[in-house]
Protein backbone atom coordinates (compact mmCIF):
# COMPACT_ATOMS: atom_id res chain seq x y z
CA UNK A 1 182.36 160.64 41.99
CA UNK A 2 186.08 160.82 42.76
CA UNK A 3 185.46 163.58 45.32
CA UNK A 4 183.03 161.33 47.23
CA UNK A 5 185.24 158.24 47.21
CA UNK A 6 187.55 157.55 50.12
CA UNK A 7 190.40 156.76 47.72
CA UNK A 8 190.47 157.64 44.04
CA UNK A 9 192.89 155.80 41.79
CA UNK A 10 193.92 156.76 38.29
CA UNK A 11 194.83 153.57 36.44
CA UNK A 12 196.56 154.40 33.15
CA UNK A 13 194.48 157.57 33.36
CA UNK A 14 193.97 160.48 31.02
CA UNK A 15 194.78 164.07 32.06
CA UNK A 16 191.44 165.04 33.73
CA UNK A 17 191.53 161.96 35.97
CA UNK A 18 195.24 162.37 36.69
CA UNK A 19 194.55 165.87 38.00
CA UNK A 20 191.98 164.65 40.54
CA UNK A 21 193.17 161.17 41.56
CA UNK A 22 194.71 160.55 44.98
CA UNK A 23 196.93 157.80 43.56
CA UNK A 24 198.23 157.28 40.03
CA UNK A 25 199.20 153.88 38.68
CA UNK A 26 201.02 154.00 35.38
CA UNK A 27 202.14 150.36 35.47
CA UNK A 28 199.52 147.85 34.44
CA UNK A 29 199.63 146.06 37.78
CA UNK A 30 196.67 146.49 40.11
CA UNK A 31 198.44 144.50 42.83
CA UNK A 32 200.17 147.77 43.70
CA UNK A 33 196.84 148.86 45.22
CA UNK A 34 196.81 146.12 47.84
CA UNK A 35 199.13 147.88 50.34
CA UNK A 36 197.12 151.10 49.99
CA UNK A 37 193.99 149.19 50.95
CA UNK A 38 195.73 147.45 53.89
CA UNK A 39 195.51 144.03 52.26
CA UNK A 40 199.14 143.17 51.81
């Protein structure tokens, strides 16, 4: 599924997801995604 997505995000992710995600968010703040999506 992550390979087919345009942008894959690992949010507080475990190792297998961290290895494949385009972006990793370790802070519990999804507002950090807004600039990546062109919304802020």
